[in-house]
Amino acid sequence: MTTSSTRQKKSGDGVYATSSDRSASIEGDEYEATQPATRPLGKKNQKRKAKVGDTTSSDLDYVPNSEMIAIGKAKLGFLASFEKLKTEELEEEMEFYQRRANTVRPKRTRKVIERDREAGNERLWNDYFSENPVYTEELFRRRFRMRKHVFLRIVGALGSHDPYFLMSVDAVGRQGLSPLQKCTAAIRMLAYGSPADSVDEYVRIGESTAIECLKNFVEGVCAVFGETYLRRPNQEDITHLLQWGESRGFPGMLGSIDCMHWEWKNCPVAWKGQFTRGDHGKPTIMLEAVASQDLWICHAFFGIAGSNNDTNVLNQSPVFNEVLSGNAPMVNFSVNGTMYNMGYYLADGIYPPWATFVKTIPMPQGEKRQKFAKRQEGARKDVESDLLG
């Protein structure tokens, strides 16, 4: 016995009929196509039809009134005006850029100042370098921070080393800046710490040219005099230093050591606490130097924050690196019949009591001690003279 699963559907009179029965009746009887039954209207649809007044029609026909038509026309007019305005603005902008592209800008020309550099060179020569100069040797020493013969030696050496410090002639036959003008501008900026345009009024040299002179001056001095002066003492120098020290009553002396504070005017605000010490009140950078009798600085250590003291700088300084590594030049001298093989530096009271330092006697008692303290403090002025210029 076979059974088939059929779905039953309830008819309008309440009798359930299977899908097979319905198909059989359709095949047997004459089928007339009828319109499908419409879905009953909901409450919102009924209210909408009641407002329109048509309760018989199943489709709700929307009939716009005159107010809605006016709003639609106004909206269309606004959109058309907006598109037109947008098109006009775009055309005006394109026209502006077109005119800007076709406009020929005036060429920027460099402003040339006629400084009369020949007159500046002549005035500089008459003031300091002529046979009867306006200013004396003492004023030259104070303003240039060196003697005149030293300055002229530097000018001559730089002229032989670099053609930049020679007098040149331009294409129209006019003479350029003289070596004296270029070196004077560089020395004045180094001596006074002044800006580059401050030398324009007297030396008659522009700001950019003054900066160029300063760079070439520093590079030239390091290249020409570096092997002679910017180095540590060798065995021959040690011999001369020992002779000078013995002639002054200090056999075995290699020089004097001291520190100074260099004011840092443009110190960043965040670093002022690190570089300021209470007794100075301003940001400073410390410089440690060792100088001999002829004011030759054979050691320089620069860059420590100004809040340190001389002992802190000594702990970071490489002044005794060669001694510790065993590469220092040999030093042999005798005092009261005792031989020594290590030189020393004259120092002030803050330095530690090492064998390489000879310090003064505080509050000396007796003629012998007073004489030693006086000679030691006098010889120690070498490095202070160098540092203070």
Protein backbone atom coordinates (compact mmCIF):
# COMPACT_ATOMS: atom_id res chain seq x y z
CA MET A 1 0.00 0.00 0.00
CA THR A 2 1.48 3.21 -1.11
CA THR A 3 0.72 6.49 0.44
CA SER A 4 1.47 9.93 -0.98
CA SER A 5 2.00 12.99 1.09
CA THR A 6 -0.29 15.73 -0.02
CA ARG A 7 -0.66 19.25 1.30
CA GLN A 8 -4.11 20.29 2.39
CA LYS A 9 -5.49 23.80 2.02
CA LYS A 10 -8.61 25.16 3.60
CA SER A 11 -11.15 26.43 1.11
CA GLY A 12 -13.62 29.28 1.50
CA ASP A 13 -16.45 27.01 2.83
CA GLY A 14 -14.24 25.54 5.52
CA VAL A 15 -13.50 22.18 3.74
CA TYR A 16 -9.92 21.11 3.39
CA ALA A 17 -8.86 20.06 -0.07
CA THR A 18 -5.65 18.51 -1.18
CA SER A 19 -3.56 19.75 -4.03
CA SER A 20 -4.43 16.64 -6.06
CA ASP A 21 -8.17 17.24 -5.69
CA ARG A 22 -7.81 20.81 -6.83
CA SER A 23 -5.82 19.80 -9.87
CA ALA A 24 -8.41 17.16 -10.76
CA SER A 25 -11.29 19.57 -10.59
CA ILE A 26 -9.44 22.01 -12.80
CA GLU A 27 -8.76 19.38 -15.40
CA GLY A 28 -12.33 18.10 -15.36
CA ASP A 29 -14.23 21.31 -15.28
CA GLU A 30 -13.99 24.27 -17.51
CA TYR A 31 -11.54 26.77 -15.93
CA GLU A 32 -12.28 30.40 -16.09
CA ALA A 33 -9.44 32.82 -15.33
CA THR A 34 -10.42 35.19 -12.65
CA GLN A 35 -8.63 38.14 -11.13
CA PRO A 36 -6.56 37.28 -8.10
CA ALA A 37 -8.00 38.22 -4.77
CA THR A 38 -6.83 41.59 -3.55
CA ARG A 39 -5.06 41.98 -0.25
CA PRO A 40 -7.20 43.65 2.41
CA LEU A 41 -6.30 47.25 3.08
CA GLY A 42 -4.52 48.21 6.24
CA LYS A 43 -5.55 50.93 8.62
CA LYS A 44 -3.10 53.55 7.27
CA ASN A 45 -4.19 52.86 3.68
CA GLN A 46 -7.85 53.12 4.65
CA LYS A 47 -7.23 56.50 6.33
CA ARG A 48 -5.35 57.73 3.27
CA LYS A 49 -8.24 56.71 0.97
CA ALA A 50 -10.74 58.33 3.30
CA LYS A 51 -8.89 61.65 3.02
CA VAL A 52 -8.85 61.48 -0.79
CA GLY A 53 -12.55 60.51 -0.86
CA ASP A 54 -12.22 57.35 -2.95
CA THR A 55 -13.16 54.24 -0.93
CA THR A 56 -13.96 51.97 -3.85
CA SER A 57 -10.70 51.99 -5.75
CA SER A 58 -8.02 49.64 -4.52
CA ASP A 59 -5.18 51.75 -5.99
CA LEU A 60 -4.69 55.09 -4.38
CA ASP A 61 -4.25 57.72 -7.14
CA TYR A 62 -2.14 60.68 -6.02
CA VAL A 63 -3.30 64.00 -7.45
CA PRO A 64 -0.92 66.87 -6.65
CA ASN A 65 -2.47 70.20 -5.82
CA SER A 66 -1.37 73.63 -7.05
CA GLU A 67 0.81 74.33 -3.98
CA MET A 68 2.92 71.24 -4.55
CA ILE A 69 3.28 72.10 -8.21
CA ALA A 70 4.54 75.60 -7.31
CA ILE A 71 7.07 74.17 -4.86
CA GLY A 72 8.35 71.76 -7.48
CA LYS A 73 8.75 74.51 -10.05
CA ALA A 74 10.60 76.70 -7.53
CA LYS A 75 12.90 73.84 -6.67
CA LEU A 76 13.67 73.19 -10.31
CA GLY A 77 14.33 76.89 -10.84
CA PHE A 78 16.70 77.00 -7.87
CA LEU A 79 18.63 74.00 -9.13
CA ALA A 80 18.94 75.54 -12.57
CA SER A 81 20.16 78.84 -11.08
CA PHE A 82 22.66 77.01 -8.87
CA GLU A 83 24.07 75.08 -11.82
CA LYS A 84 24.34 78.30 -13.83
CA LEU A 85 26.10 80.11 -10.97
CA LYS A 86 28.46 77.20 -10.50
CA THR A 87 29.30 77.21 -14.19
CA GLU A 88 29.94 80.98 -14.16
CA GLU A 89 32.24 80.70 -11.12
CA LEU A 90 34.17 77.92 -12.78
CA GLU A 91 34.56 79.97 -15.95
CA GLU A 92 35.75 83.01 -13.94
CA GLU A 93 38.27 80.90 -12.06
CA MET A 94 39.60 79.40 -15.28
CA GLU A 95 39.87 82.88 -16.77
CA PHE A 96 41.78 84.12 -13.69
CA TYR A 97 44.36 81.33 -13.90
CA GLN A 98 44.66 81.87 -17.63
CA ARG A 99 45.41 85.56 -17.13
CA ARG A 100 47.87 84.69 -14.35
CA ALA A 101 49.68 82.22 -16.59
CA ASN A 102 49.91 84.73 -19.42
CA THR A 103 51.09 87.56 -17.18
CA VAL A 104 54.85 88.19 -17.34
CA ARG A 105 56.20 88.72 -13.84
CA PRO A 106 58.86 91.35 -13.37
CA LYS A 107 62.27 89.76 -12.83
CA ARG A 108 63.60 90.18 -9.32
CA THR A 109 66.92 91.93 -9.37
CA ARG A 110 69.50 91.90 -6.61
CA LYS A 111 69.95 95.13 -4.75
CA VAL A 112 73.48 96.37 -5.21
CA ILE A 113 74.90 98.75 -2.62
CA GLU A 114 77.82 100.86 -3.70
CA ARG A 115 80.04 100.59 -0.61
CA ASP A 116 83.15 102.23 -2.08
CA ARG A 117 85.43 99.46 -0.87
CA GLU A 118 88.50 101.27 -2.18
CA ALA A 119 87.88 104.12 0.26
CA GLY A 120 87.37 101.57 3.05
CA ASN A 121 90.70 99.93 2.31
CA GLU A 122 92.47 103.29 2.24
CA ARG A 123 90.93 104.34 5.56
CA LEU A 124 91.91 101.02 7.18
CA TRP A 125 95.48 101.40 5.94
CA ASN A 126 95.81 104.97 7.21
CA ASP A 127 94.32 104.08 10.62
CA TYR A 128 96.57 101.12 11.49
CA PHE A 129 99.16 100.11 8.85
CA SER A 130 100.69 103.28 7.41
CA GLU A 131 104.01 104.78 8.51
CA ASN A 132 102.20 107.30 10.69
CA PRO A 133 98.98 105.50 11.71
CA VAL A 134 96.14 107.26 13.42
CA TYR A 135 95.91 104.65 16.21
CA THR A 136 98.87 103.43 18.26
CA GLU A 137 100.22 99.94 18.79
CA GLU A 138 98.40 99.66 22.12
CA LEU A 139 95.04 100.39 20.51
CA PHE A 140 95.80 97.90 17.75
CA ARG A 141 96.59 95.25 20.39
CA ARG A 142 93.35 95.95 22.22
CA ARG A 143 91.09 95.98 19.15
CA PHE A 144 92.67 93.11 17.21
CA ARG A 145 93.62 91.05 20.31
CA MET A 146 97.14 90.53 18.93
CA ARG A 147 100.26 92.47 18.00
CA LYS A 148 100.54 94.07 14.61
CA HIS A 149 103.43 91.90 13.44
CA VAL A 150 101.44 88.75 14.34
CA PHE A 151 98.45 89.99 12.34
CA LEU A 152 100.60 90.83 9.32
CA ARG A 153 102.22 87.40 9.54
CA ILE A 154 98.79 85.73 9.43
CA VAL A 155 97.71 87.88 6.47
CA GLY A 156 100.86 87.00 4.53
CA ALA A 157 100.60 83.29 5.31
CA LEU A 158 96.95 83.14 4.27
CA GLY A 159 97.72 84.97 1.03
CA SER A 160 100.36 82.38 0.18
CA HIS A 161 98.07 79.49 1.10
CA ASP A 162 94.73 80.54 -0.41
CA PRO A 163 94.19 82.83 -3.45
CA TYR A 164 91.00 84.01 -1.78
CA PHE A 165 93.11 86.33 0.41
CA LEU A 166 94.81 88.01 -2.56
CA MET A 167 93.75 91.24 -4.23
CA SER A 168 91.70 90.40 -7.32
CA VAL A 169 90.40 92.46 -10.25
CA ASP A 170 86.94 91.94 -11.72
CA ALA A 171 85.88 91.94 -15.39
CA VAL A 172 85.58 95.73 -15.57
CA GLY A 173 89.04 96.28 -14.09
CA ARG A 174 87.88 97.25 -10.61
CA GLN A 175 89.84 96.03 -7.61
CA GLY A 176 88.16 93.79 -5.08
CA LEU A 177 88.51 93.60 -1.32
CA SER A 178 92.07 93.67 -0.01
CA PRO A 179 93.55 90.94 2.24
CA LEU A 180 93.62 93.45 5.09
CA GLN A 181 89.89 94.07 4.79
CA LYS A 182 89.03 90.36 4.71
CA CYS A 183 91.26 89.44 7.66
CA THR A 184 90.18 92.48 9.66
CA ALA A 185 86.52 91.55 9.23
CA ALA A 186 87.21 87.99 10.43
CA ILE A 187 89.33 89.10 13.40
CA ARG A 188 86.78 91.68 14.53
CA MET A 189 83.98 89.11 14.54
CA LEU A 190 86.14 86.66 16.49
CA ALA A 191 87.48 89.25 18.93
CA TYR A 192 84.19 90.93 19.78
CA GLY A 193 81.67 88.20 18.96
CA SER A 194 79.83 90.70 16.79
CA PRO A 195 77.41 89.88 13.94
CA ALA A 196 78.59 89.82 10.35
CA ASP A 197 76.94 93.07 9.28
CA SER A 198 78.57 95.09 12.09
CA VAL A 199 81.84 95.38 10.13
CA ASP A 200 80.12 96.79 7.05
CA GLU A 201 80.20 100.41 8.16
CA TYR A 202 83.96 100.52 8.74
CA VAL A 203 85.53 97.80 6.59
CA ARG A 204 82.98 98.24 3.77
CA ILE A 205 82.20 94.56 3.36
CA GLY A 206 78.76 92.95 3.03
CA GLU A 207 77.24 90.49 5.46
CA SER A 208 77.45 87.41 3.25
CA THR A 209 81.01 88.26 2.21
CA ALA A 210 82.01 88.76 5.87
CA ILE A 211 80.70 85.28 6.75
CA GLU A 212 82.60 83.84 3.80
CA CYS A 213 85.78 85.60 4.96
CA LEU A 214 85.37 84.19 8.46
CA LYS A 215 84.99 80.61 7.21
CA ASN A 216 88.01 80.87 4.91
CA PHE A 217 90.03 82.56 7.65
CA VAL A 218 89.42 79.77 10.17
CA GLU A 219 90.09 77.03 7.63
CA GLY A 220 93.26 78.76 6.45
CA VAL A 221 94.64 79.31 9.97
CA CYS A 222 94.02 75.65 10.88
CA ALA A 223 95.68 74.47 7.65
CA VAL A 224 98.72 76.78 7.84
CA PHE A 225 99.44 76.93 11.57
CA GLY A 226 97.89 73.66 12.73
CA GLU A 227 101.03 71.57 12.54
CA THR A 228 103.00 74.18 14.47
CA TYR A 229 100.60 75.39 17.14
CA LEU A 230 97.46 73.21 17.21
CA ARG A 231 99.18 70.08 18.56
CA ARG A 232 100.50 68.52 21.72
CA PRO A 233 104.16 69.19 22.68
CA ASN A 234 106.78 66.78 21.36
CA GLN A 235 110.16 65.95 22.85
CA GLU A 236 111.77 69.10 21.49
CA ASP A 237 109.00 71.27 22.90
CA ILE A 238 109.33 69.54 26.27
CA THR A 239 113.00 70.45 26.36
CA HIS A 240 112.24 74.14 25.74
CA LEU A 241 109.43 74.14 28.31
CA LEU A 242 111.75 72.65 30.94
CA GLN A 243 114.38 75.28 30.22
CA TRP A 244 111.87 78.10 30.57
CA GLY A 245 110.51 76.63 33.77
CA GLU A 246 113.95 76.23 35.31
CA SER A 247 114.87 79.81 34.43
CA ARG A 248 111.83 80.97 36.41
CA GLY A 249 112.66 78.87 39.44
CA PHE A 250 110.42 75.88 38.69
CA PRO A 251 112.44 73.00 37.22
CA GLY A 252 110.19 70.36 35.66
CA MET A 253 107.33 72.78 35.00
CA LEU A 254 105.50 72.18 31.71
CA GLY A 255 103.08 75.12 31.99
CA SER A 256 100.10 76.22 34.03
CA ILE A 257 96.55 74.86 33.93
CA ASP A 258 93.29 76.62 34.64
CA CYS A 259 89.62 76.83 33.59
CA MET A 260 87.45 79.72 32.55
CA HIS A 261 83.73 80.22 31.92
CA TRP A 262 82.69 81.31 28.44
CA GLU A 263 79.30 83.03 28.44
CA TRP A 264 76.68 81.36 26.24
CA LYS A 265 74.38 84.19 25.23
CA ASN A 266 72.00 82.14 23.07
CA CYS A 267 71.69 79.16 25.40
CA PRO A 268 68.32 77.35 25.01
CA VAL A 269 65.92 77.95 27.88
CA ALA A 270 65.65 74.23 28.62
CA TRP A 271 69.43 74.00 29.16
CA LYS A 272 69.96 77.12 31.27
CA GLY A 273 69.76 75.25 34.56
CA GLN A 274 72.44 72.83 33.42
CA PHE A 275 74.84 75.51 32.15
CA THR A 276 74.34 78.13 34.90
CA ARG A 277 76.26 78.29 38.16
CA GLY A 278 75.23 80.43 41.09
CA ASP A 279 78.37 82.56 41.27
CA HIS A 280 78.09 83.51 37.58
CA GLY A 281 74.33 83.86 37.13
CA LYS A 282 74.47 83.30 33.36
CA PRO A 283 74.76 80.21 31.16
CA THR A 284 78.42 79.45 30.48
CA ILE A 285 80.57 76.80 28.80
CA MET A 286 83.84 75.85 30.46
CA LEU A 287 87.25 75.84 28.80
CA GLU A 288 90.27 74.05 30.27
CA ALA A 289 93.65 75.10 28.93
CA VAL A 290 97.35 74.55 29.53
CA ALA A 291 99.59 77.47 28.53
CA SER A 292 103.33 78.08 28.56
CA GLN A 293 105.36 81.21 29.18
CA ASP A 294 105.21 82.29 25.54
CA LEU A 295 101.39 81.96 25.69
CA TRP A 296 101.34 78.79 23.61
CA ILE A 297 98.21 76.78 24.44
CA CYS A 298 99.33 73.16 24.19
CA HIS A 299 96.07 71.72 25.55
CA ALA A 300 92.45 72.87 25.28
CA PHE A 301 89.30 71.08 26.40
CA PHE A 302 86.04 72.90 25.68
CA GLY A 303 82.33 72.12 26.00
CA ILE A 304 81.61 71.18 29.63
CA ALA A 305 78.47 72.70 31.16
CA GLY A 306 79.05 75.82 33.25
CA SER A 307 77.47 74.32 36.38
CA ASN A 308 80.66 72.27 36.93
CA ASN A 309 83.88 73.35 38.62
CA ASP A 310 87.53 72.85 37.71
CA THR A 311 87.71 69.43 39.38
CA ASN A 312 84.68 68.13 37.45
CA VAL A 313 86.22 69.31 34.20
CA LEU A 314 89.53 67.64 35.08
CA ASN A 315 87.78 64.30 35.62
CA GLN A 316 86.47 64.43 32.03
CA SER A 317 89.55 66.01 30.43
CA PRO A 318 92.06 64.03 28.32
CA VAL A 319 95.00 66.08 29.60
CA PHE A 320 96.66 63.07 31.29
CA ASN A 321 95.62 60.36 28.83
CA GLU A 322 99.12 60.06 27.38
CA VAL A 323 100.64 59.89 30.85
CA LEU A 324 98.28 57.08 31.87
CA SER A 325 98.87 55.16 28.65
CA GLY A 326 102.66 55.52 28.92
CA ASN A 327 103.04 57.51 25.68
CA ALA A 328 103.99 60.86 27.20
CA PRO A 329 107.38 62.40 26.33
CA MET A 330 110.18 61.72 28.78
CA VAL A 331 110.74 64.37 31.46
CA ASN A 332 113.82 64.22 33.68
CA PHE A 333 114.87 66.88 36.18
CA SER A 334 116.33 67.14 39.66
CA VAL A 335 115.34 69.20 42.69
CA ASN A 336 117.64 69.33 45.70
CA GLY A 337 119.55 66.33 44.43
CA THR A 338 116.46 64.19 43.86
CA MET A 339 115.68 62.94 40.35
CA TYR A 340 112.14 63.05 38.97
CA ASN A 341 110.74 61.57 35.75
CA MET A 342 107.33 63.30 35.60
CA GLY A 343 106.59 66.92 34.81
CA TYR A 344 103.98 69.05 36.52
CA TYR A 345 101.64 71.99 35.94
CA LEU A 346 101.11 75.01 38.15
CA ALA A 347 97.52 75.09 39.42
CA ASP A 348 95.32 76.92 41.91
CA GLY A 349 93.95 75.55 45.16
CA ILE A 350 90.85 73.76 43.81
CA TYR A 351 92.83 71.08 41.99
CA PRO A 352 93.46 67.76 43.76
CA PRO A 353 96.82 67.10 45.52
CA TRP A 354 98.36 65.07 42.71
CA ALA A 355 102.05 64.78 41.87
CA THR A 356 101.38 66.46 38.51
CA PHE A 357 100.13 69.67 40.18
CA VAL A 358 102.11 72.22 42.16
CA LYS A 359 99.79 74.57 44.02
CA THR A 360 100.39 77.70 46.03
CA ILE A 361 100.58 77.79 49.81
CA PRO A 362 97.46 79.32 51.36
CA MET A 363 98.23 81.94 54.01
CA PRO A 364 102.00 81.34 53.92
CA GLN A 365 103.93 81.84 57.12
CA GLY A 366 107.59 82.79 56.92
CA GLU A 367 109.73 84.43 54.28
CA LYS A 368 110.52 81.19 52.44
CA ARG A 369 106.88 80.16 52.05
CA GLN A 370 105.79 83.66 51.11
CA LYS A 371 108.43 83.82 48.40
CA PHE A 372 107.34 80.45 46.98
CA ALA A 373 103.67 81.47 46.96
CA LYS A 374 104.49 84.75 45.23
CA ARG A 375 106.61 83.08 42.53
CA GLN A 376 104.04 80.34 41.96
CA GLU A 377 101.11 82.74 41.62
CA GLY A 378 103.13 84.97 39.29
CA ALA A 379 104.10 82.12 36.99
CA ARG A 380 100.53 80.80 37.02
CA LYS A 381 99.33 84.03 35.38
CA ASP A 382 100.48 82.70 32.01
CA VAL A 383 97.33 80.70 31.43
CA GLU A 384 95.11 83.45 32.84
CA SER A 385 96.67 85.92 30.40
CA ASP A 386 95.88 83.55 27.57
CA LEU A 387 92.31 82.91 28.63
CA LEU A 388 91.48 86.54 29.33
CA GLY A 389 93.10 87.72 26.10
